[in-house]
N, C-alpha and C. Protein backbone atom coordinates (compact mmCIF):
# COMPACT_ATOMS: atom_id res chain seq x y z
N MET A 1 5.77 -54.81 -26.35
CA MET A 1 6.75 -54.37 -25.40
C MET A 1 6.10 -53.34 -24.47
N ARG A 2 6.17 -53.59 -23.22
CA ARG A 2 5.55 -52.74 -22.21
C ARG A 2 6.63 -52.00 -21.44
N MET A 3 6.46 -50.66 -21.35
CA MET A 3 7.45 -49.87 -20.63
C MET A 3 6.85 -49.40 -19.32
N SER A 4 7.63 -49.44 -18.33
CA SER A 4 7.18 -49.01 -17.02
C SER A 4 7.84 -47.67 -16.71
N ILE A 5 7.01 -46.65 -16.47
CA ILE A 5 7.54 -45.34 -16.11
C ILE A 5 7.18 -45.10 -14.65
N ARG A 6 8.18 -44.82 -13.90
CA ARG A 6 7.96 -44.60 -12.47
C ARG A 6 8.33 -43.16 -12.13
N CYS A 7 7.45 -42.48 -11.50
CA CYS A 7 7.69 -41.10 -11.10
C CYS A 7 8.31 -41.11 -9.71
N LYS A 8 9.33 -40.30 -9.54
CA LYS A 8 10.03 -40.28 -8.26
C LYS A 8 9.22 -39.58 -7.17
N THR A 9 8.35 -38.67 -7.57
CA THR A 9 7.63 -37.91 -6.54
C THR A 9 6.51 -38.71 -5.91
N PHE A 10 6.00 -39.69 -6.58
CA PHE A 10 4.94 -40.51 -6.02
C PHE A 10 5.52 -41.83 -5.53
N SER A 11 5.16 -42.19 -4.38
CA SER A 11 5.63 -43.47 -3.85
C SER A 11 4.47 -44.16 -3.14
N ASN A 12 4.65 -45.40 -2.90
CA ASN A 12 3.62 -46.18 -2.22
C ASN A 12 3.70 -46.05 -0.71
N LYS A 13 4.75 -45.41 -0.22
CA LYS A 13 4.92 -45.28 1.22
C LYS A 13 3.95 -44.23 1.76
N PRO A 14 3.33 -44.50 2.88
CA PRO A 14 2.44 -43.49 3.47
C PRO A 14 3.26 -42.36 4.09
N LYS A 15 2.68 -41.19 4.09
CA LYS A 15 3.34 -40.04 4.71
C LYS A 15 3.23 -40.18 6.22
N PRO A 16 4.25 -39.73 6.96
CA PRO A 16 4.19 -39.87 8.42
C PRO A 16 3.06 -39.03 9.03
N PHE A 17 2.85 -37.82 8.53
CA PHE A 17 1.79 -36.96 9.04
C PHE A 17 1.02 -36.41 7.84
N PRO A 18 -0.27 -36.52 7.88
CA PRO A 18 -1.02 -35.96 6.75
C PRO A 18 -0.96 -34.43 6.79
N SER A 19 -0.87 -33.82 5.65
CA SER A 19 -0.82 -32.37 5.61
C SER A 19 -2.21 -31.81 5.87
N PRO A 20 -2.28 -30.66 6.54
CA PRO A 20 -3.59 -30.08 6.85
C PRO A 20 -4.27 -29.63 5.56
N PRO A 21 -5.58 -29.64 5.56
CA PRO A 21 -6.28 -29.21 4.35
C PRO A 21 -6.04 -27.72 4.10
N ARG A 22 -5.96 -27.36 2.85
CA ARG A 22 -5.72 -25.96 2.50
C ARG A 22 -6.98 -25.14 2.69
N LYS A 23 -6.76 -23.92 3.18
CA LYS A 23 -7.89 -23.02 3.36
C LYS A 23 -8.11 -22.28 2.04
N ARG A 24 -9.35 -22.13 1.70
CA ARG A 24 -9.68 -21.41 0.48
C ARG A 24 -9.75 -19.92 0.78
N ARG A 25 -9.23 -19.15 -0.14
CA ARG A 25 -9.35 -17.71 -0.02
C ARG A 25 -10.75 -17.29 -0.48
N PRO A 26 -11.30 -16.34 0.22
CA PRO A 26 -12.61 -15.87 -0.25
C PRO A 26 -12.45 -15.13 -1.57
N THR A 27 -13.37 -15.35 -2.46
CA THR A 27 -13.29 -14.68 -3.75
C THR A 27 -13.86 -13.29 -3.63
N ARG A 28 -13.19 -12.35 -4.30
CA ARG A 28 -13.65 -10.97 -4.29
C ARG A 28 -14.67 -10.79 -5.38
N GLN A 29 -15.74 -10.18 -5.02
CA GLN A 29 -16.74 -9.89 -6.02
C GLN A 29 -16.43 -8.52 -6.62
N ALA A 30 -16.60 -8.40 -7.90
CA ALA A 30 -16.35 -7.14 -8.58
C ALA A 30 -17.41 -6.13 -8.16
N PRO A 31 -16.99 -4.88 -7.93
CA PRO A 31 -17.97 -3.86 -7.58
C PRO A 31 -18.87 -3.58 -8.77
N PRO A 32 -20.05 -3.08 -8.50
CA PRO A 32 -20.93 -2.77 -9.62
C PRO A 32 -20.28 -1.73 -10.54
N SER A 33 -20.30 -1.98 -11.81
CA SER A 33 -19.59 -1.12 -12.75
C SER A 33 -20.31 0.19 -12.98
N SER A 34 -21.59 0.25 -12.75
CA SER A 34 -22.34 1.46 -13.06
C SER A 34 -22.19 2.54 -11.99
N SER A 35 -21.91 2.16 -10.77
CA SER A 35 -21.80 3.16 -9.71
C SER A 35 -20.51 2.95 -8.93
N LEU A 36 -20.02 4.04 -8.38
CA LEU A 36 -18.82 3.97 -7.56
C LEU A 36 -19.19 3.52 -6.16
N THR A 37 -18.32 2.75 -5.56
CA THR A 37 -18.56 2.32 -4.19
C THR A 37 -18.26 3.47 -3.25
N THR A 38 -18.74 3.37 -2.03
CA THR A 38 -18.47 4.42 -1.06
C THR A 38 -16.99 4.52 -0.77
N ARG A 39 -16.29 3.40 -0.85
CA ARG A 39 -14.84 3.42 -0.62
C ARG A 39 -14.15 4.24 -1.71
N ASP A 40 -14.55 4.04 -2.96
CA ASP A 40 -13.97 4.81 -4.06
C ASP A 40 -14.25 6.29 -3.90
N LEU A 41 -15.47 6.62 -3.51
CA LEU A 41 -15.82 8.02 -3.32
C LEU A 41 -15.01 8.64 -2.18
N THR A 42 -14.82 7.89 -1.11
CA THR A 42 -14.05 8.38 0.03
C THR A 42 -12.60 8.65 -0.39
N VAL A 43 -12.03 7.73 -1.14
CA VAL A 43 -10.65 7.90 -1.60
C VAL A 43 -10.54 9.12 -2.49
N ARG A 44 -11.49 9.29 -3.40
CA ARG A 44 -11.45 10.45 -4.30
C ARG A 44 -11.56 11.76 -3.53
N MET A 45 -12.41 11.79 -2.51
CA MET A 45 -12.55 13.00 -1.70
C MET A 45 -11.25 13.31 -0.97
N LYS A 46 -10.61 12.28 -0.44
CA LYS A 46 -9.35 12.49 0.28
C LYS A 46 -8.24 12.95 -0.65
N VAL A 47 -8.23 12.43 -1.87
CA VAL A 47 -7.23 12.85 -2.86
C VAL A 47 -7.43 14.33 -3.19
N LYS A 48 -8.67 14.74 -3.36
CA LYS A 48 -8.96 16.15 -3.67
C LYS A 48 -8.53 17.06 -2.52
N LYS A 49 -8.77 16.64 -1.28
CA LYS A 49 -8.35 17.44 -0.12
C LYS A 49 -6.83 17.53 -0.06
N LEU A 50 -6.15 16.42 -0.34
CA LEU A 50 -4.69 16.43 -0.31
C LEU A 50 -4.14 17.30 -1.43
N GLN A 51 -4.80 17.32 -2.58
CA GLN A 51 -4.36 18.17 -3.68
C GLN A 51 -4.41 19.64 -3.28
N LYS A 52 -5.38 20.01 -2.45
CA LYS A 52 -5.49 21.39 -2.00
C LYS A 52 -4.42 21.74 -0.97
N LEU A 53 -3.99 20.76 -0.18
CA LEU A 53 -3.01 21.01 0.88
C LEU A 53 -1.58 21.09 0.37
N VAL A 54 -1.26 20.26 -0.60
CA VAL A 54 0.12 20.16 -1.08
C VAL A 54 0.35 21.19 -2.18
N PRO A 55 1.36 22.04 -2.04
CA PRO A 55 1.66 23.00 -3.10
C PRO A 55 1.99 22.28 -4.41
N GLY A 56 1.36 22.70 -5.49
CA GLY A 56 1.59 22.07 -6.78
C GLY A 56 0.86 20.75 -6.93
N GLY A 57 -0.05 20.44 -6.03
CA GLY A 57 -0.73 19.16 -6.06
C GLY A 57 -1.93 19.11 -6.98
N GLN A 58 -2.42 20.28 -7.39
CA GLN A 58 -3.60 20.32 -8.26
C GLN A 58 -3.32 19.61 -9.57
N GLY A 59 -4.15 18.68 -9.93
CA GLY A 59 -4.04 18.00 -11.21
C GLY A 59 -3.08 16.83 -11.24
N LEU A 60 -2.41 16.54 -10.13
CA LEU A 60 -1.49 15.40 -10.12
C LEU A 60 -2.25 14.10 -9.96
N GLN A 61 -1.72 13.05 -10.54
CA GLN A 61 -2.28 11.71 -10.36
C GLN A 61 -2.01 11.29 -8.91
N PRO A 62 -2.84 10.41 -8.34
CA PRO A 62 -2.67 10.05 -6.93
C PRO A 62 -1.29 9.52 -6.57
N ASP A 63 -0.65 8.74 -7.45
CA ASP A 63 0.67 8.22 -7.11
C ASP A 63 1.70 9.35 -7.02
N ARG A 64 1.66 10.28 -7.96
CA ARG A 64 2.57 11.43 -7.92
C ARG A 64 2.23 12.36 -6.77
N LEU A 65 0.95 12.49 -6.48
CA LEU A 65 0.52 13.34 -5.38
C LEU A 65 1.06 12.83 -4.05
N LEU A 66 1.03 11.51 -3.85
CA LEU A 66 1.55 10.95 -2.60
C LEU A 66 3.06 11.17 -2.49
N LEU A 67 3.78 11.06 -3.60
CA LEU A 67 5.22 11.33 -3.56
C LEU A 67 5.48 12.80 -3.23
N ARG A 68 4.71 13.69 -3.85
CA ARG A 68 4.87 15.12 -3.59
C ARG A 68 4.53 15.42 -2.14
N ALA A 69 3.48 14.79 -1.60
CA ALA A 69 3.09 15.01 -0.21
C ALA A 69 4.18 14.53 0.74
N ALA A 70 4.80 13.40 0.43
CA ALA A 70 5.88 12.90 1.28
C ALA A 70 7.06 13.87 1.28
N ASP A 71 7.40 14.40 0.11
CA ASP A 71 8.48 15.39 0.03
C ASP A 71 8.12 16.65 0.81
N TYR A 72 6.87 17.06 0.70
CA TYR A 72 6.42 18.26 1.39
C TYR A 72 6.47 18.08 2.91
N ILE A 73 6.12 16.90 3.37
CA ILE A 73 6.19 16.61 4.81
C ILE A 73 7.63 16.70 5.30
N LEU A 74 8.56 16.14 4.52
CA LEU A 74 9.98 16.23 4.90
C LEU A 74 10.45 17.69 4.91
N HIS A 75 9.99 18.46 3.94
CA HIS A 75 10.35 19.87 3.88
C HIS A 75 9.82 20.61 5.12
N LEU A 76 8.57 20.36 5.47
CA LEU A 76 7.99 21.01 6.64
C LEU A 76 8.72 20.60 7.92
N ARG A 77 9.09 19.32 7.99
CA ARG A 77 9.80 18.84 9.18
C ARG A 77 11.16 19.52 9.32
N SER A 78 11.84 19.71 8.20
CA SER A 78 13.14 20.39 8.27
C SER A 78 12.96 21.85 8.67
N GLN A 79 11.89 22.49 8.22
CA GLN A 79 11.62 23.87 8.64
C GLN A 79 11.36 23.94 10.14
N VAL A 80 10.63 22.98 10.66
CA VAL A 80 10.37 22.93 12.11
C VAL A 80 11.68 22.78 12.86
N ASN A 81 12.56 21.92 12.38
CA ASN A 81 13.85 21.73 13.04
C ASN A 81 14.67 23.02 13.05
N VAL A 82 14.67 23.74 11.94
CA VAL A 82 15.41 25.01 11.86
C VAL A 82 14.82 26.02 12.83
N LEU A 83 13.51 26.13 12.85
CA LEU A 83 12.87 27.09 13.74
C LEU A 83 13.09 26.74 15.22
N GLN A 84 13.11 25.45 15.55
CA GLN A 84 13.40 25.05 16.92
C GLN A 84 14.83 25.41 17.29
N ALA A 85 15.75 25.21 16.37
CA ALA A 85 17.15 25.56 16.65
C ALA A 85 17.30 27.06 16.84
N LEU A 86 16.64 27.86 15.99
CA LEU A 86 16.69 29.31 16.14
C LEU A 86 16.06 29.76 17.45
N SER A 87 15.00 29.11 17.84
CA SER A 87 14.34 29.44 19.09
C SER A 87 15.26 29.20 20.28
N LYS A 88 15.99 28.08 20.25
CA LYS A 88 16.94 27.79 21.33
C LYS A 88 18.06 28.83 21.38
N ILE A 89 18.51 29.25 20.21
CA ILE A 89 19.59 30.25 20.16
C ILE A 89 19.11 31.56 20.75
N TYR A 90 17.93 32.01 20.35
CA TYR A 90 17.44 33.30 20.82
C TYR A 90 16.95 33.26 22.26
N ASP A 91 16.64 32.08 22.79
CA ASP A 91 16.28 31.97 24.20
C ASP A 91 17.48 32.23 25.10
N HIS A 92 18.67 31.91 24.63
CA HIS A 92 19.88 32.06 25.43
C HIS A 92 20.47 33.47 25.34
N ILE A 93 19.93 34.27 24.49
CA ILE A 93 20.48 35.64 24.35
C ILE A 93 19.83 36.56 25.34
């Protein structure tokens, strides 16, 4: 007894337009494990500089440091807004 299984996704009909060939993504090569890349060193230097600028930033992990820096920027911006408002008030006196 012979059974015929037919898949619905495959058919004998030709496609109206052939699909374009897929582009291959370039493969990333792993950086050398023994030494840090210049990019890694640059990022580390920038993190250290940011730790010095942000109050309470010393010793924070980079993800927490960026959150603290964003909060600090908002805080500084609000201080600028207050000082600008006070300046306008005292200019009219």
